[in-house]
Amino acid sequence: MALRFYNSLSRRVDDFVPIVPGRVGLYTCGPTVYDYAHIGNFRAYVFEDILKRVLRFSGYDVLHVMNLTDVDDKTIRNAQRAGMSLDAFTRRYKDAFFEDIAVLNIEPADVYPAATEHIPEMIELIQTLLTKGVGYQAEDGSVYFSIAAFPEYGKLVRIEQDQLRVGARVRQDEYAKETAADFALWKAHDADDGDVFWDSPWGRGRPGWHVECSAMSMKYLGPTFDIHCGGVDNMFPHHEDEIAQSEAANGCKFVNYWLHNAHLVVDGEKMSKSLGNFFTLRNVLERGYSGRELRWVLMGTHYRQALNFSFQACDNARAALQRLDDFVLRLREAAVRPDAGTHGVRAQVSAAKSAFAAGLADDLNVSAALGALFELVRDLHRMMDQEEIGGSAADETLAALRHFDTVLGVLDVDAAGGGVPSEISALAEARDAARKARDYARADALRDDLAARGWVVEDTAAGPRLKRM
C-alpha cells in the first residue's frame, strides 16, 4: 500500500516516492546530551521509531541516522558547572539515552554520529560556503552564513524576505523565530568555551549547532535524501538553517520530505526543561509505570497533534495493554483445542490486516490502526466465548498480532503472560490444590500472598491463569 505523509515543506499530505526504489534515507534529530532526555523528547523519538517501523513494514530498506549533539552552548555550560571535561560529561547522558530507548523499545538507529567526531567534515562544509560567497568571517574570527546570499531562506517556515534582519548576526545556537538573521557556522574561541576548541583555517573555535547536522547527514546519506524528522520546535531556526547551508553548499535540494511532531504538553504548556514542567523516563518509572505503558501513551495520539500528558493516561494505557494481554492468553488456550472457526477467523484477520496497514499508510494514523486491532479483539473474544476458535485459527491470529507488533512494539506476543517466576507458579498451584480440597481459608490466604507479590490469579475453565497486577 502506498504511503502518504504530511510534508512540512509542501504543507500538504504527499505521496511518498523514495529517491531510490525500495530504499529510504532517514535522518532524525537526536538528543543534545547535556541532561537526561524528558518524555517530551521521547515523544519525538517514539514517533520516529513508528515511522521507521512503518517504512520497513511496507517493504523498504531503511538507513536511519540519528545525531548526538555533544558540543553546543548547553553541553559546554553544564560541563563547566559540573567541573568535568566535555567528553566525560556528555558520556553520562549518552549512556542514559541508550538505556532509555531500550526501555521504550525504540529500535536503534543504524548510525549515531557524534558532533565531536565529525569536526573535519564541518570545517570542509564551512570552507565550501566561504568559497561560494554565502559565508563570511567576522572581526572576532567567527564565520557566519549570510541569509541575504541565499534568496530561498525561510521557505520551510514561510518567513517573508522583509522579515529578514540582513546583516544582523546571531551567535547563539538557539534563538527566537523573529530573529531571522545571519547565524554562526564557526564560533571563534572565547573564555566561555574554556578548553573546548578545535583548530581551523579561521583559528581556534568550534562549530555552530546548525552546521553539525548538515555535515553529518551529508556524510552518511548524501547531498539529497528522503526524510528528515524532528519536533516542531526544530523547524526554526535549526531545520531552516540546515536547508540554507546544505543547499547553498551542494546546489541541490537537501531533503524531499520533512516530518515534524507536535509538542507534548502539561496543563496546556509545552513540556520543557526551561519551564520546569517536565518528567524524565526515570520519573515515570519511579511511579510504578513501565516503558511499555509510556510508549503506548506517547504513540496513541497522532504525531501532528499536541499530546497532553497525564498519569491518568498511563493508567489507561495499562488497562488497554492488559486487555490485549488477556486476549493473547485466551488465544493460547484456544490454540491447544481442536481446529475450529478457521475460515471465519481467517477472513476477520485479513480484514484487520488491511485496515491496520491502511491506517498507517495514511500519514501514520496509529489511532486507525489500533481501531482495527481492537475491533478484531472484540469480535474474536465473542467467538472464543462460544468456543468457536481453536487450533490453527488461534495460531493464525497470534501470528497476525506478531505482524502488528513489528510496528507497535508493545504487544510482545510471545512474552505476554509468560515469564512467571517458579515460586509464583508454586503458590498458584498450591492455591488451586487448596480450592479443590475445599480448604477455602488456605486458598484465600495464598491468593492474598500472590497479590502482595504483585500477581492476580483468575480461575478459568482451562485452569488458573496468572497475571501481573
Protein backbone atom coordinates (compact mmCIF):
# COMPACT_ATOMS: atom_id res chain seq x y z
CA MET A 1 0.00 0.00 0.00
CA ALA A 2 1.35 3.43 -0.97
CA LEU A 3 2.44 5.63 1.92
CA ARG A 4 1.42 9.27 2.31
CA PHE A 5 2.98 11.78 4.72
CA TYR A 6 2.30 15.37 5.65
CA ASN A 7 5.32 17.23 4.32
CA SER A 8 6.13 20.36 6.34
CA LEU A 9 7.87 21.82 3.29
CA SER A 10 4.91 21.50 0.90
CA ARG A 11 2.27 21.97 3.63
CA ARG A 12 0.22 19.05 2.33
CA VAL A 13 -0.05 15.28 2.51
CA ASP A 14 2.17 13.96 -0.27
CA ASP A 15 2.56 10.50 -1.76
CA PHE A 16 5.87 9.07 -0.64
CA VAL A 17 8.25 8.32 -3.50
CA PRO A 18 11.81 7.47 -2.42
CA ILE A 19 14.84 8.63 -4.38
CA VAL A 20 15.98 5.03 -4.87
CA PRO A 21 13.14 2.49 -5.27
CA GLY A 22 12.88 0.24 -2.24
CA ARG A 23 15.35 2.24 -0.13
CA VAL A 24 14.90 5.17 2.28
CA GLY A 25 17.45 7.54 3.77
CA LEU A 26 16.13 8.80 7.13
CA TYR A 27 17.73 11.43 9.36
CA THR A 28 16.30 12.24 12.78
CA CYS A 29 17.45 14.92 15.20
CA GLY A 30 18.80 13.12 18.25
CA PRO A 31 19.43 14.29 21.81
CA THR A 32 21.55 17.18 22.95
CA VAL A 33 23.35 15.33 25.71
CA TYR A 34 23.51 17.98 28.42
CA ASP A 35 20.92 16.32 30.71
CA TYR A 36 18.54 13.38 30.84
CA ALA A 37 16.03 13.47 27.98
CA HIS A 38 12.49 14.21 29.14
CA ILE A 39 9.41 12.41 27.88
CA GLY A 40 8.61 15.34 25.56
CA ASN A 41 11.84 14.43 23.73
CA PHE A 42 10.80 10.79 23.71
CA ARG A 43 7.51 11.70 22.07
CA ALA A 44 9.62 12.63 19.03
CA TYR A 45 11.79 9.53 19.26
CA VAL A 46 8.75 7.21 19.53
CA PHE A 47 7.11 8.93 16.54
CA GLU A 48 10.32 8.47 14.54
CA ASP A 49 10.50 4.84 15.64
CA ILE A 50 6.94 4.24 14.42
CA LEU A 51 7.82 5.94 11.11
CA LYS A 52 10.86 3.72 10.60
CA ARG A 53 8.90 0.59 11.54
CA VAL A 54 6.11 1.55 9.09
CA LEU A 55 8.64 2.05 6.30
CA ARG A 56 10.10 -1.40 6.94
CA PHE A 57 6.59 -2.87 7.40
CA SER A 58 5.89 -1.52 3.90
CA GLY A 59 8.91 -3.28 2.44
CA TYR A 60 11.53 -0.52 2.41
CA ASP A 61 15.17 -0.94 3.35
CA VAL A 62 15.84 1.98 5.72
CA LEU A 63 19.18 3.59 6.55
CA HIS A 64 18.50 5.55 9.74
CA VAL A 65 20.95 8.18 11.01
CA MET A 66 20.40 9.94 14.35
CA ASN A 67 22.91 12.53 15.53
CA LEU A 68 24.20 13.03 19.06
CA THR A 69 24.79 16.72 19.78
CA ASP A 70 27.69 16.61 22.23
CA VAL A 71 29.06 20.13 21.70
CA ASP A 72 26.93 23.27 21.82
CA ASP A 73 26.21 26.13 24.20
CA LYS A 74 24.34 23.96 26.72
CA THR A 75 26.72 20.99 26.83
CA ILE A 76 29.72 23.28 27.37
CA ARG A 77 27.97 25.36 30.02
CA ASN A 78 26.74 22.35 32.01
CA ALA A 79 30.07 20.51 31.77
CA GLN A 80 31.81 23.55 33.23
CA ARG A 81 29.27 23.77 36.05
CA ALA A 82 29.87 20.10 36.83
CA GLY A 83 33.65 20.59 36.78
CA MET A 84 34.04 17.85 34.17
CA SER A 85 35.58 17.54 30.74
CA LEU A 86 33.08 17.82 27.89
CA ASP A 87 33.63 14.20 26.85
CA ALA A 88 33.19 12.77 30.37
CA PHE A 89 30.13 14.92 30.99
CA THR A 90 28.32 14.06 27.77
CA ARG A 91 29.20 10.37 28.02
CA ARG A 92 26.96 10.09 31.09
CA TYR A 93 23.94 11.34 29.17
CA LYS A 94 24.72 9.40 26.00
CA ASP A 95 24.68 6.20 28.07
CA ALA A 96 21.42 7.25 29.75
CA PHE A 97 19.82 7.93 26.37
CA PHE A 98 20.63 4.45 25.08
CA GLU A 99 19.30 2.91 28.31
CA ASP A 100 16.07 4.89 27.95
CA ILE A 101 15.37 3.97 24.33
CA ALA A 102 15.83 0.30 25.24
CA VAL A 103 13.19 0.65 27.99
CA LEU A 104 10.80 2.22 25.45
CA ASN A 105 11.56 -0.49 22.87
CA ILE A 106 12.78 2.08 20.35
CA GLU A 107 14.79 0.34 17.66
CA PRO A 108 18.35 1.72 17.49
CA ALA A 109 19.42 3.83 14.53
CA ASP A 110 21.93 2.37 12.10
CA VAL A 111 24.39 5.22 12.70
CA TYR A 112 24.76 7.57 15.68
CA PRO A 113 27.26 10.22 14.57
CA ALA A 114 28.53 12.40 17.42
CA ALA A 115 29.27 16.02 16.57
CA THR A 116 32.70 15.99 18.22
CA GLU A 117 33.76 13.11 15.96
CA HIS A 118 32.91 15.00 12.73
CA ILE A 119 34.68 18.33 13.09
CA PRO A 120 36.73 17.85 9.86
CA GLU A 121 33.52 17.36 7.84
CA MET A 122 32.10 20.55 9.36
CA ILE A 123 35.23 22.55 8.57
CA GLU A 124 35.10 21.29 4.96
CA LEU A 125 31.45 22.34 4.63
CA ILE A 126 32.13 25.80 6.08
CA GLN A 127 35.04 26.26 3.69
CA THR A 128 32.73 25.42 0.77
CA LEU A 129 30.24 28.05 1.94
CA LEU A 130 33.00 30.64 2.19
CA THR A 131 34.25 29.78 -1.28
CA LYS A 132 30.73 30.15 -2.70
CA GLY A 133 30.30 33.56 -1.09
CA VAL A 134 27.43 32.65 1.26
CA GLY A 135 29.68 32.57 4.32
CA TYR A 136 31.89 35.31 5.71
CA GLN A 137 34.32 35.80 8.57
CA ALA A 138 33.56 38.45 11.18
CA GLU A 139 36.03 40.65 13.05
CA ASP A 140 36.28 38.24 16.01
CA GLY A 141 37.18 35.31 13.74
CA SER A 142 33.74 33.68 13.79
CA VAL A 143 32.24 32.57 10.48
CA TYR A 144 28.60 33.37 9.64
CA PHE A 145 26.10 32.32 6.98
CA SER A 146 24.74 35.28 5.01
CA ILE A 147 20.98 34.84 4.67
CA ALA A 148 20.96 37.67 2.10
CA ALA A 149 23.09 35.48 -0.18
CA PHE A 150 20.51 32.67 -0.15
CA PRO A 151 17.22 34.04 -1.59
CA GLU A 152 15.21 30.94 -0.61
CA TYR A 153 15.93 31.38 3.10
CA GLY A 154 12.71 30.93 5.11
CA LYS A 155 10.90 28.53 2.77
CA LEU A 156 10.31 25.88 5.44
CA VAL A 157 8.62 28.15 8.00
CA ARG A 158 7.38 30.73 5.48
CA ILE A 159 9.50 33.68 6.58
CA GLU A 160 8.95 36.63 4.25
CA GLN A 161 12.01 38.40 2.91
CA ASP A 162 11.05 41.68 4.62
CA GLN A 163 11.28 39.85 7.97
CA LEU A 164 14.97 39.05 7.46
CA ARG A 165 17.42 41.06 9.52
CA VAL A 166 20.03 41.30 6.80
CA GLY A 167 23.47 41.98 8.22
CA ALA A 168 22.45 41.25 11.83
CA ARG A 169 24.21 38.31 13.46
CA VAL A 170 23.17 35.65 15.96
CA ARG A 171 25.98 33.83 17.71
CA GLN A 172 23.83 31.65 19.99
CA ASP A 173 22.88 28.16 18.89
CA GLU A 174 19.18 28.69 19.60
CA TYR A 175 17.17 31.83 19.04
CA ALA A 176 13.62 33.08 18.58
CA LYS A 177 11.72 32.95 15.29
CA GLU A 178 11.69 36.72 14.95
CA THR A 179 15.49 36.66 14.90
CA ALA A 180 15.90 35.68 11.25
CA ALA A 181 19.49 36.84 10.96
CA ASP A 182 22.92 35.60 9.89
CA PHE A 183 23.79 32.56 12.00
CA ALA A 184 27.12 31.23 13.20
CA LEU A 185 28.81 28.43 11.27
CA TRP A 186 32.02 28.59 13.30
CA LYS A 187 32.36 30.26 16.68
CA ALA A 188 35.74 31.78 17.49
CA HIS A 189 37.07 30.58 20.83
CA ASP A 190 36.42 32.76 23.85
CA ALA A 191 36.61 32.42 27.64
CA ASP A 192 33.08 31.00 27.86
CA ASP A 193 34.18 27.88 25.97
CA GLY A 194 37.06 27.09 28.33
CA ASP A 195 39.15 24.23 26.99
CA VAL A 196 36.62 23.25 24.30
CA PHE A 197 38.03 24.19 20.89
CA TRP A 198 39.43 22.83 17.63
CA ASP A 199 41.93 24.32 15.20
CA SER A 200 40.58 25.52 11.87
CA PRO A 201 41.64 27.74 8.94
CA TRP A 202 39.93 30.61 10.82
CA GLY A 203 41.63 29.98 14.14
CA ARG A 204 40.60 28.10 17.24
CA GLY A 205 36.90 27.64 17.82
CA ARG A 206 34.00 25.23 17.50
CA PRO A 207 31.13 24.63 15.08
CA GLY A 208 27.72 26.19 15.42
CA TRP A 209 24.91 23.78 16.21
CA HIS A 210 23.16 24.02 12.85
CA VAL A 211 26.14 23.11 10.69
CA GLU A 212 26.64 19.89 12.65
CA CYS A 213 23.54 18.13 11.29
CA SER A 214 24.18 19.25 7.71
CA ALA A 215 27.72 17.87 7.71
CA MET A 216 26.77 14.57 9.34
CA SER A 217 23.65 13.90 7.26
CA MET A 218 25.58 14.62 4.04
CA LYS A 219 28.33 12.20 5.05
CA TYR A 220 26.02 9.25 5.67
CA LEU A 221 23.03 9.94 3.40
CA GLY A 222 24.42 12.12 0.60
CA PRO A 223 23.59 15.68 -0.52
CA THR A 224 19.91 14.82 -1.05
CA PHE A 225 17.99 12.25 0.96
CA ASP A 226 14.40 11.19 1.57
CA ILE A 227 13.14 12.08 5.05
CA HIS A 228 14.24 14.41 7.85
CA CYS A 229 12.33 14.42 11.16
CA GLY A 230 12.17 16.34 14.41
CA GLY A 231 9.89 18.25 16.72
CA VAL A 232 8.06 21.37 15.51
CA ASP A 233 10.38 23.46 17.68
CA ASN A 234 13.27 22.33 15.46
CA MET A 235 11.74 23.86 12.33
CA PHE A 236 13.19 27.27 13.14
CA PRO A 237 15.96 28.06 13.39
CA HIS A 238 17.57 24.63 13.21
CA HIS A 239 15.97 22.98 10.18
CA GLU A 240 15.64 26.24 8.27
CA ASP A 241 19.35 26.84 8.74
CA GLU A 242 20.18 23.27 7.75
CA ILE A 243 18.32 23.72 4.45
CA ALA A 244 20.05 27.02 3.71
CA GLN A 245 23.62 25.90 4.34
CA SER A 246 23.18 22.45 2.73
CA GLU A 247 21.51 23.69 -0.46
CA ALA A 248 23.88 26.65 -0.77
CA ALA A 249 26.87 24.30 -0.49
CA ASN A 250 25.62 21.50 -2.75
CA GLY A 251 23.46 23.33 -5.27
CA CYS A 252 20.65 20.77 -4.95
CA LYS A 253 17.61 20.01 -2.83
CA PHE A 254 18.54 18.92 0.69
CA VAL A 255 15.54 16.82 1.80
CA ASN A 256 12.39 15.68 -0.02
CA TYR A 257 10.09 15.10 2.96
CA TRP A 258 10.13 16.95 6.29
CA LEU A 259 8.04 15.37 9.08
CA HIS A 260 7.55 17.19 12.41
CA ASN A 261 5.74 16.05 15.54
CA ALA A 262 3.75 18.38 17.78
CA HIS A 263 4.65 19.11 21.40
CA LEU A 264 3.94 17.03 24.46
CA VAL A 265 2.12 19.41 26.80
CA VAL A 266 1.35 19.59 30.51
CA ASP A 267 -1.61 21.76 31.52
CA GLY A 268 -1.63 23.32 28.08
CA GLU A 269 2.07 24.26 28.04
CA LYS A 270 4.89 22.64 26.10
CA MET A 271 6.88 20.26 28.30
CA SER A 272 10.39 21.68 28.57
CA LYS A 273 13.29 21.96 30.96
CA SER A 274 13.20 25.76 30.77
CA LEU A 275 9.63 25.79 32.13
CA GLY A 276 10.40 23.18 34.78
CA ASN A 277 7.27 21.17 33.89
CA PHE A 278 8.97 18.05 32.62
CA PHE A 279 9.25 14.40 33.59
CA THR A 280 12.13 12.14 32.65
CA LEU A 281 11.55 8.49 31.86
CA ARG A 282 13.07 7.71 35.25
CA ASN A 283 10.41 9.88 36.95
CA VAL A 284 7.68 7.86 35.24
CA LEU A 285 9.27 4.50 36.11
CA GLU A 286 9.64 5.58 39.76
CA ARG A 287 5.85 5.98 39.89
CA GLY A 288 5.44 2.32 39.02
CA TYR A 289 4.72 2.57 35.31
CA SER A 290 6.58 0.59 32.66
CA GLY A 291 8.32 1.68 29.50
CA ARG A 292 5.72 -0.31 27.58
CA GLU A 293 2.90 1.73 29.13
CA LEU A 294 4.63 5.04 28.43
CA ARG A 295 5.32 4.00 24.83
CA TRP A 296 1.58 3.34 24.44
CA VAL A 297 0.79 6.85 25.75
CA LEU A 298 3.34 8.55 23.50
CA MET A 299 2.22 6.84 20.31
CA GLY A 300 -1.54 6.89 20.91
CA THR A 301 -2.18 10.44 19.67
CA HIS A 302 -1.42 11.37 16.05
CA TYR A 303 2.10 12.74 15.83
CA ARG A 304 0.94 16.09 14.42
CA GLN A 305 -1.47 16.71 17.29
CA ALA A 306 -0.36 18.07 20.67
CA LEU A 307 -0.38 15.34 23.31
CA ASN A 308 -1.43 16.27 26.83
CA PHE A 309 0.49 14.04 29.25
CA SER A 310 -1.05 12.82 32.49
CA PHE A 311 -0.60 9.86 34.79
CA GLN A 312 -4.26 9.02 34.19
CA ALA A 313 -3.21 8.40 30.58
CA CYS A 314 -0.62 5.93 31.92
CA ASP A 315 -3.38 4.16 33.88
CA ASN A 316 -5.48 3.99 30.72
CA ALA A 317 -2.51 2.56 28.83
CA ARG A 318 -2.10 -0.11 31.50
CA ALA A 319 -5.75 -1.11 31.14
CA ALA A 320 -5.55 -1.24 27.33
CA LEU A 321 -2.42 -3.36 27.38
CA GLN A 322 -3.92 -5.68 29.99
CA ARG A 323 -6.87 -6.20 27.68
CA LEU A 324 -4.51 -7.16 24.86
CA ASP A 325 -2.52 -9.47 27.16
CA ASP A 326 -5.75 -11.19 28.21
CA PHE A 327 -6.62 -11.66 24.55
CA VAL A 328 -3.26 -13.31 23.89
CA LEU A 329 -3.71 -15.66 26.86
CA ARG A 330 -7.14 -16.71 25.64
CA LEU A 331 -5.76 -17.37 22.16
CA ARG A 332 -3.04 -19.56 23.61
CA GLU A 333 -5.64 -21.56 25.49
CA ALA A 334 -7.73 -21.86 22.32
CA ALA A 335 -4.70 -22.96 20.29
CA VAL A 336 -4.47 -26.28 22.16
CA ARG A 337 -8.09 -27.14 21.35
CA PRO A 338 -9.17 -28.83 18.11
CA ASP A 339 -9.41 -26.74 14.97
CA ALA A 340 -12.49 -24.53 14.80
CA GLY A 341 -13.57 -21.34 13.09
CA THR A 342 -10.64 -21.33 10.68
CA HIS A 343 -12.42 -19.83 7.67
CA GLY A 344 -14.26 -17.12 9.59
CA VAL A 345 -11.25 -16.12 11.65
CA ARG A 346 -9.03 -16.02 8.59
CA ALA A 347 -11.40 -13.54 6.91
CA GLN A 348 -11.52 -11.32 10.00
CA VAL A 349 -7.75 -11.38 10.42
CA SER A 350 -7.28 -10.47 6.75
CA ALA A 351 -9.70 -7.55 7.08
CA ALA A 352 -7.92 -6.35 10.23
CA LYS A 353 -4.55 -6.51 8.49
CA SER A 354 -5.84 -4.43 5.59
CA ALA A 355 -7.39 -1.80 7.86
CA PHE A 356 -4.27 -1.72 10.05
CA ALA A 357 -2.00 -1.13 7.05
CA ALA A 358 -4.36 1.47 5.56
CA GLY A 359 -4.33 3.48 8.78
CA LEU A 360 -0.55 3.52 8.96
CA ALA A 361 -0.21 4.40 5.27
CA ASP A 362 -2.39 7.48 5.85
CA ASP A 363 0.25 9.73 7.44
CA LEU A 364 0.93 7.29 10.31
CA ASN A 365 -2.63 7.23 11.63
CA VAL A 366 -1.88 4.93 14.55
CA SER A 367 -5.34 5.52 16.04
CA ALA A 368 -6.95 3.99 12.96
CA ALA A 369 -4.53 1.07 13.08
CA LEU A 370 -5.30 0.46 16.75
CA GLY A 371 -9.00 0.69 15.98
CA ALA A 372 -8.61 -2.18 13.53
CA LEU A 373 -6.74 -4.18 16.16
CA PHE A 374 -9.34 -3.66 18.88
CA GLU A 375 -12.20 -4.46 16.52
CA LEU A 376 -10.52 -7.80 15.86
CA VAL A 377 -10.06 -8.35 19.61
CA ARG A 378 -13.73 -7.62 20.27
CA ASP A 379 -15.03 -9.92 17.54
CA LEU A 380 -12.75 -12.83 18.38
CA HIS A 381 -13.45 -12.56 22.11
CA ARG A 382 -17.09 -13.22 21.22
CA MET A 383 -16.12 -16.24 19.20
CA MET A 384 -13.94 -17.58 21.99
CA ASP A 385 -16.80 -17.11 24.43
CA GLN A 386 -18.70 -19.61 22.26
CA GLU A 387 -15.61 -21.81 21.86
CA GLU A 388 -15.74 -21.19 18.11
CA ILE A 389 -11.96 -20.73 17.77
CA GLY A 390 -9.36 -23.42 18.15
CA GLY A 391 -6.14 -24.84 16.80
CA SER A 392 -4.84 -23.22 13.62
CA ALA A 393 -7.35 -20.32 13.79
CA ALA A 394 -5.90 -19.23 17.12
CA ASP A 395 -2.35 -19.71 15.81
CA GLU A 396 -3.09 -17.56 12.76
CA THR A 397 -4.44 -14.80 14.99
CA LEU A 398 -1.34 -14.90 17.16
CA ALA A 399 0.77 -14.62 14.00
CA ALA A 400 -1.26 -11.55 12.98
CA LEU A 401 -0.59 -9.94 16.35
CA ARG A 402 3.13 -10.51 15.88
CA HIS A 403 2.76 -8.87 12.46
CA PHE A 404 1.07 -5.82 14.02
CA ASP A 405 3.72 -5.61 16.71
CA THR A 406 6.51 -5.12 14.19
CA VAL A 407 5.11 -1.56 14.09
CA LEU A 408 3.57 -1.08 17.54
CA GLY A 409 6.37 -2.57 19.62
CA VAL A 410 4.16 -3.10 22.69
CA LEU A 411 2.38 -6.44 22.31
CA ASP A 412 5.32 -8.82 22.78
CA VAL A 413 3.03 -11.70 21.94
CA ASP A 414 5.41 -14.50 22.87
CA ALA A 415 6.18 -12.99 26.28
CA ALA A 416 2.69 -11.81 27.24
CA GLY A 417 1.62 -13.69 30.31
CA GLY A 418 4.89 -15.62 30.34
CA GLY A 419 7.94 -15.28 32.49
CA VAL A 420 6.12 -16.32 35.69
CA PRO A 421 8.67 -16.96 38.46
CA SER A 422 8.71 -20.54 39.71
CA GLU A 423 7.80 -19.53 43.27
CA ILE A 424 4.73 -17.68 41.96
CA SER A 425 3.66 -20.71 39.92
CA ALA A 426 4.11 -22.89 43.01
CA LEU A 427 1.88 -20.61 45.10
CA ALA A 428 -0.79 -20.66 42.38
CA GLU A 429 -0.67 -24.44 42.19
CA ALA A 430 -0.93 -24.69 45.98
CA ARG A 431 -3.94 -22.37 45.94
CA ASP A 432 -5.60 -24.46 43.22
CA ALA A 433 -4.99 -27.62 45.25
CA ALA A 434 -6.48 -25.95 48.35
CA ARG A 435 -9.60 -24.95 46.40
CA LYS A 436 -10.06 -28.47 45.07
CA ALA A 437 -9.71 -29.76 48.67
CA ARG A 438 -12.32 -27.17 49.74
CA ASP A 439 -9.77 -25.56 52.07
CA TYR A 440 -11.04 -22.09 51.18
CA ALA A 441 -9.32 -20.32 54.06
CA ARG A 442 -5.90 -21.51 52.83
CA ALA A 443 -6.84 -20.74 49.21
CA ASP A 444 -7.77 -17.17 50.18
CA ALA A 445 -4.54 -16.75 52.16
CA LEU A 446 -2.48 -17.92 49.19
CA ARG A 447 -4.41 -15.59 46.88
CA ASP A 448 -3.59 -12.68 49.23
CA ASP A 449 0.06 -13.73 49.28
CA LEU A 450 0.13 -13.67 45.48
CA ALA A 451 -1.48 -10.22 45.46
CA ALA A 452 1.14 -8.94 47.91
CA ARG A 453 3.79 -10.15 45.47
CA GLY A 454 2.12 -8.30 42.59
CA TRP A 455 0.18 -11.15 40.96
CA VAL A 456 -3.51 -11.84 40.47
CA VAL A 457 -4.87 -15.31 39.80
CA GLU A 458 -8.02 -15.85 37.72
CA ASP A 459 -9.95 -19.11 37.70
CA THR A 460 -10.93 -20.14 34.16
CA ALA A 461 -12.39 -23.26 32.58
CA ALA A 462 -8.86 -24.13 31.45
CA GLY A 463 -7.46 -23.74 34.96
CA PRO A 464 -5.93 -20.88 36.97
CA ARG A 465 -4.37 -18.00 34.98
CA LEU A 466 -1.66 -15.74 36.46
CA LYS A 467 -1.26 -12.10 35.54
CA ARG A 468 0.90 -9.32 36.89
CA MET A 469 -1.05 -6.66 38.73
